[in-house]
């Protein structure tokens, strides 16, 4: 396999419970906590990564389409299996965008479709068994 863009991260146990410090070679350190008290859990980080990837895609695509965006928020909710490995069985994303007018509705939908179907590398890295529900809400 020939990968043109390789990413790596480092994770180090903090010495405190299930708290780990994670870092990349290009960004700031983050705290990941299996108990969700000192930072998001790994499964919450996965949801944040998915929401972040789609938000970046939407912002870039809408900017290129000259669609005004005043605010962009994404809420992600994942339903996990009851039994190990307790993977996400379904994920729901709600995108709230303010700024685009009714005349931009098709551009917003196109941006969402392009992110979901082509550009969101986090989404396309997840198992196809996950039931994905992604939608946009305008403020």
C-alpha atoms as a PDB file:
ATOM      1  CA  UNK A   1       0.000   0.000   0.000  1.00  0.00           C
ATOM      2  CA  UNK A   2       1.337   3.414  -0.935  1.00  0.00           C
ATOM      3  CA  UNK A   3       0.205   6.100   1.501  1.00  0.00           C
ATOM      4  CA  UNK A   4       1.154   9.620   0.533  1.00  0.00           C
ATOM      5  CA  UNK A   5       0.139  11.173   3.870  1.00  0.00           C
ATOM      6  CA  UNK A   6       1.112   9.359   7.048  1.00  0.00           C
ATOM      7  CA  UNK A   7       0.074  10.698  10.439  1.00  0.00           C
ATOM      8  CA  UNK A   8       1.283   9.643  13.841  1.00  0.00           C
ATOM      9  CA  UNK A   9       0.410  10.432  17.422  1.00  0.00           C
ATOM     10  CA  UNK A  10       1.925   9.589  20.781  1.00  0.00           C
ATOM     11  CA  UNK A  11      -0.013   8.641  23.872  1.00  0.00           C
ATOM     12  CA  UNK A  12       1.481   8.487  27.352  1.00  0.00           C
ATOM     13  CA  UNK A  13      -0.155   7.380  30.600  1.00  0.00           C
ATOM     14  CA  UNK A  14      -0.192  10.252  33.085  1.00  0.00           C
ATOM     15  CA  UNK A  15       0.164   7.933  36.070  1.00  0.00           C
ATOM     16  CA  UNK A  16      -3.360   8.884  37.184  1.00  0.00           C
ATOM     17  CA  UNK A  17      -6.157   6.330  36.715  1.00  0.00           C
ATOM     18  CA  UNK A  18      -7.208   6.140  33.059  1.00  0.00           C
ATOM     19  CA  UNK A  19      -5.792   9.566  32.146  1.00  0.00           C
ATOM     20  CA  UNK A  20      -3.446   9.759  29.158  1.00  0.00           C
ATOM     21  CA  UNK A  21      -1.692  12.658  27.446  1.00  0.00           C
ATOM     22  CA  UNK A  22      -1.772  12.569  23.673  1.00  0.00           C
ATOM     23  CA  UNK A  23       0.206  14.619  21.208  1.00  0.00           C
ATOM     24  CA  UNK A  24       1.090  14.915  17.561  1.00  0.00           C
ATOM     25  CA  UNK A  25       4.305  16.175  16.077  1.00  0.00           C
ATOM     26  CA  UNK A  26       2.445  19.273  14.833  1.00  0.00           C
ATOM     27  CA  UNK A  27      -0.139  20.172  17.467  1.00  0.00           C
ATOM     28  CA  UNK A  28      -0.817  20.753  21.143  1.00  0.00           C
ATOM     29  CA  UNK A  29      -1.187  18.056  23.770  1.00  0.00           C
ATOM     30  CA  UNK A  30      -4.636  16.734  24.659  1.00  0.00           C
ATOM     31  CA  UNK A  31      -5.867  14.777  27.660  1.00  0.00           C
ATOM     32  CA  UNK A  32      -7.843  11.584  27.115  1.00  0.00           C
ATOM     33  CA  UNK A  33      -9.576  10.032  30.112  1.00  0.00           C
ATOM     34  CA  UNK A  34     -11.343   6.676  30.153  1.00  0.00           C
ATOM     35  CA  UNK A  35     -13.470   8.047  32.992  1.00  0.00           C
ATOM     36  CA  UNK A  36     -14.304  11.303  31.164  1.00  0.00           C
ATOM     37  CA  UNK A  37     -13.489  13.453  34.199  1.00  0.00           C
ATOM     38  CA  UNK A  38     -10.195  15.083  33.124  1.00  0.00           C
ATOM     39  CA  UNK A  39     -10.778  14.939  29.389  1.00  0.00           C
ATOM     40  CA  UNK A  40     -12.902  13.200  26.783  1.00  0.00           C
ATOM     41  CA  UNK A  41     -12.864   9.410  26.598  1.00  0.00           C
ATOM     42  CA  UNK A  42     -11.434   7.712  23.489  1.00  0.00           C
ATOM     43  CA  UNK A  43     -14.942   7.127  22.149  1.00  0.00           C
ATOM     44  CA  UNK A  44     -15.821  10.782  22.744  1.00  0.00           C
ATOM     45  CA  UNK A  45     -12.618  11.798  20.942  1.00  0.00           C
ATOM     46  CA  UNK A  46     -13.780   9.688  18.002  1.00  0.00           C
ATOM     47  CA  UNK A  47     -17.062  11.635  17.882  1.00  0.00           C
ATOM     48  CA  UNK A  48     -15.172  14.929  18.200  1.00  0.00           C
ATOM     49  CA  UNK A  49     -12.865  13.868  15.358  1.00  0.00           C
ATOM     50  CA  UNK A  50     -15.812  13.033  13.117  1.00  0.00           C
ATOM     51  CA  UNK A  51     -17.606  16.292  13.939  1.00  0.00           C
ATOM     52  CA  UNK A  52     -14.378  18.271  13.450  1.00  0.00           C
ATOM     53  CA  UNK A  53     -13.632  16.676  10.091  1.00  0.00           C
ATOM     54  CA  UNK A  54     -17.121  17.365   8.767  1.00  0.00           C
ATOM     55  CA  UNK A  55     -17.124  20.917  10.139  1.00  0.00           C
ATOM     56  CA  UNK A  56     -13.825  21.675   8.412  1.00  0.00           C
ATOM     57  CA  UNK A  57     -15.123  20.201   5.153  1.00  0.00           C
ATOM     58  CA  UNK A  58     -18.345  22.220   5.352  1.00  0.00           C
ATOM     59  CA  UNK A  59     -16.474  25.438   6.131  1.00  0.00           C
ATOM     60  CA  UNK A  60     -13.987  24.992   3.266  1.00  0.00           C
ATOM     61  CA  UNK A  61     -16.601  23.934   0.702  1.00  0.00           C
ATOM     62  CA  UNK A  62     -19.012  26.741   1.628  1.00  0.00           C
ATOM     63  CA  UNK A  63     -16.196  29.303   1.549  1.00  0.00           C
ATOM     64  CA  UNK A  64     -15.185  28.154  -1.942  1.00  0.00           C
ATOM     65  CA  UNK A  65     -18.845  28.432  -2.993  1.00  0.00           C
ATOM     66  CA  UNK A  66     -18.950  31.971  -1.556  1.00  0.00           C
ATOM     67  CA  UNK A  67     -21.700  31.032   0.879  1.00  0.00           C
ATOM     68  CA  UNK A  68     -21.664  33.282   3.976  1.00  0.00           C
ATOM     69  CA  UNK A  69     -21.286  31.452   7.285  1.00  0.00           C
ATOM     70  CA  UNK A  70     -21.702  33.291  10.582  1.00  0.00           C
ATOM     71  CA  UNK A  71     -21.597  30.223  12.813  1.00  0.00           C
ATOM     72  CA  UNK A  72     -21.205  26.474  12.423  1.00  0.00           C
ATOM     73  CA  UNK A  73     -21.820  23.928  15.171  1.00  0.00           C
ATOM     74  CA  UNK A  74     -22.058  20.153  15.051  1.00  0.00           C
ATOM     75  CA  UNK A  75     -23.511  17.933  17.754  1.00  0.00           C
ATOM     76  CA  UNK A  76     -22.550  14.261  17.511  1.00  0.00           C
ATOM     77  CA  UNK A  77     -24.288  11.461  19.394  1.00  0.00           C
ATOM     78  CA  UNK A  78     -23.192   7.851  19.237  1.00  0.00           C
ATOM     79  CA  UNK A  79     -25.167   4.805  20.372  1.00  0.00           C
ATOM     80  CA  UNK A  80     -22.847   2.050  21.577  1.00  0.00           C
ATOM     81  CA  UNK A  81     -23.390  -1.708  21.715  1.00  0.00           C
ATOM     82  CA  UNK A  82     -24.155  -3.237  25.116  1.00  0.00           C
ATOM     83  CA  UNK A  83     -21.526  -5.972  24.707  1.00  0.00           C
ATOM     84  CA  UNK A  84     -17.798  -5.805  24.032  1.00  0.00           C
ATOM     85  CA  UNK A  85     -16.261  -4.303  22.015  1.00  0.00           C
ATOM     86  CA  UNK A  86     -19.043  -1.743  22.648  1.00  0.00           C
ATOM     87  CA  UNK A  87     -18.491  -0.106  19.269  1.00  0.00           C
ATOM     88  CA  UNK A  88     -20.764   2.576  17.914  1.00  0.00           C
ATOM     89  CA  UNK A  89     -23.786   1.027  16.256  1.00  0.00           C
ATOM     90  CA  UNK A  90     -25.159   4.351  15.105  1.00  0.00           C
ATOM     91  CA  UNK A  91     -23.978   7.940  14.994  1.00  0.00           C
ATOM     92  CA  UNK A  92     -26.138  11.030  14.560  1.00  0.00           C
ATOM     93  CA  UNK A  93     -24.711  14.388  13.533  1.00  0.00           C
ATOM     94  CA  UNK A  94     -26.717  17.588  13.654  1.00  0.00           C
ATOM     95  CA  UNK A  95     -25.081  20.529  11.882  1.00  0.00           C
ATOM     96  CA  UNK A  96     -26.327  24.002  12.774  1.00  0.00           C
ATOM     97  CA  UNK A  97     -25.307  26.708  10.337  1.00  0.00           C
ATOM     98  CA  UNK A  98     -26.249  30.362  10.425  1.00  0.00           C
ATOM     99  CA  UNK A  99     -25.504  32.835   7.689  1.00  0.00           C
ATOM    100  CA  UNK A 100     -26.617  31.123   4.488  1.00  0.00           C
ATOM    101  CA  UNK A 101     -29.918  32.397   3.100  1.00  0.00           C
ATOM    102  CA  UNK A 102     -32.624  30.294   1.451  1.00  0.00           C
ATOM    103  CA  UNK A 103     -30.949  30.867  -1.923  1.00  0.00           C
ATOM    104  CA  UNK A 104     -27.890  29.000  -0.582  1.00  0.00           C
ATOM    105  CA  UNK A 105     -29.840  25.926   0.565  1.00  0.00           C
ATOM    106  CA  UNK A 106     -28.640  23.793  -2.368  1.00  0.00           C
ATOM    107  CA  UNK A 107     -25.021  24.853  -1.733  1.00  0.00           C
ATOM    108  CA  UNK A 108     -25.275  23.832   1.916  1.00  0.00           C
ATOM    109  CA  UNK A 109     -26.753  20.453   0.979  1.00  0.00           C
ATOM    110  CA  UNK A 110     -24.056  19.962  -1.675  1.00  0.00           C
ATOM    111  CA  UNK A 111     -21.342  20.736   0.898  1.00  0.00           C
ATOM    112  CA  UNK A 112     -22.843  18.208   3.306  1.00  0.00           C
ATOM    113  CA  UNK A 113     -23.115  15.577   0.555  1.00  0.00           C
ATOM    114  CA  UNK A 114     -19.513  16.155  -0.577  1.00  0.00           C
ATOM    115  CA  UNK A 115     -18.197  15.883   2.971  1.00  0.00           C
ATOM    116  CA  UNK A 116     -20.196  12.722   3.687  1.00  0.00           C
ATOM    117  CA  UNK A 117     -19.630  10.990   0.350  1.00  0.00           C
ATOM    118  CA  UNK A 118     -16.123  12.089  -0.624  1.00  0.00           C
ATOM    119  CA  UNK A 119     -14.026  14.264   1.663  1.00  0.00           C
ATOM    120  CA  UNK A 120     -14.487  13.377   5.352  1.00  0.00           C
ATOM    121  CA  UNK A 121     -11.521  11.089   5.957  1.00  0.00           C
ATOM    122  CA  UNK A 122     -12.606  10.326   9.529  1.00  0.00           C
ATOM    123  CA  UNK A 123     -16.019   9.132   8.356  1.00  0.00           C
ATOM    124  CA  UNK A 124     -14.476   7.014   5.614  1.00  0.00           C
ATOM    125  CA  UNK A 125     -12.061   5.486   8.140  1.00  0.00           C
ATOM    126  CA  UNK A 126     -14.959   4.103  10.198  1.00  0.00           C
ATOM    127  CA  UNK A 127     -16.604   0.726   9.669  1.00  0.00           C
ATOM    128  CA  UNK A 128     -19.333   0.637   7.046  1.00  0.00           C
ATOM    129  CA  UNK A 129     -21.429  -1.308   9.583  1.00  0.00           C
ATOM    130  CA  UNK A 130     -22.102   1.938  11.477  1.00  0.00           C
ATOM    131  CA  UNK A 131     -25.477   3.433  10.718  1.00  0.00           C
ATOM    132  CA  UNK A 132     -24.644   7.060   9.904  1.00  0.00           C
ATOM    133  CA  UNK A 133     -27.263   9.785  10.100  1.00  0.00           C
ATOM    134  CA  UNK A 134     -25.971  13.223   9.134  1.00  0.00           C
ATOM    135  CA  UNK A 135     -28.136  16.292   8.706  1.00  0.00           C
ATOM    136  CA  UNK A 136     -27.969  20.066   8.736  1.00  0.00           C
ATOM    137  CA  UNK A 137     -30.002  22.488  10.805  1.00  0.00           C
ATOM    138  CA  UNK A 138     -29.834  26.181  10.017  1.00  0.00           C
ATOM    139  CA  UNK A 139     -30.035  28.723  12.803  1.00  0.00           C
END
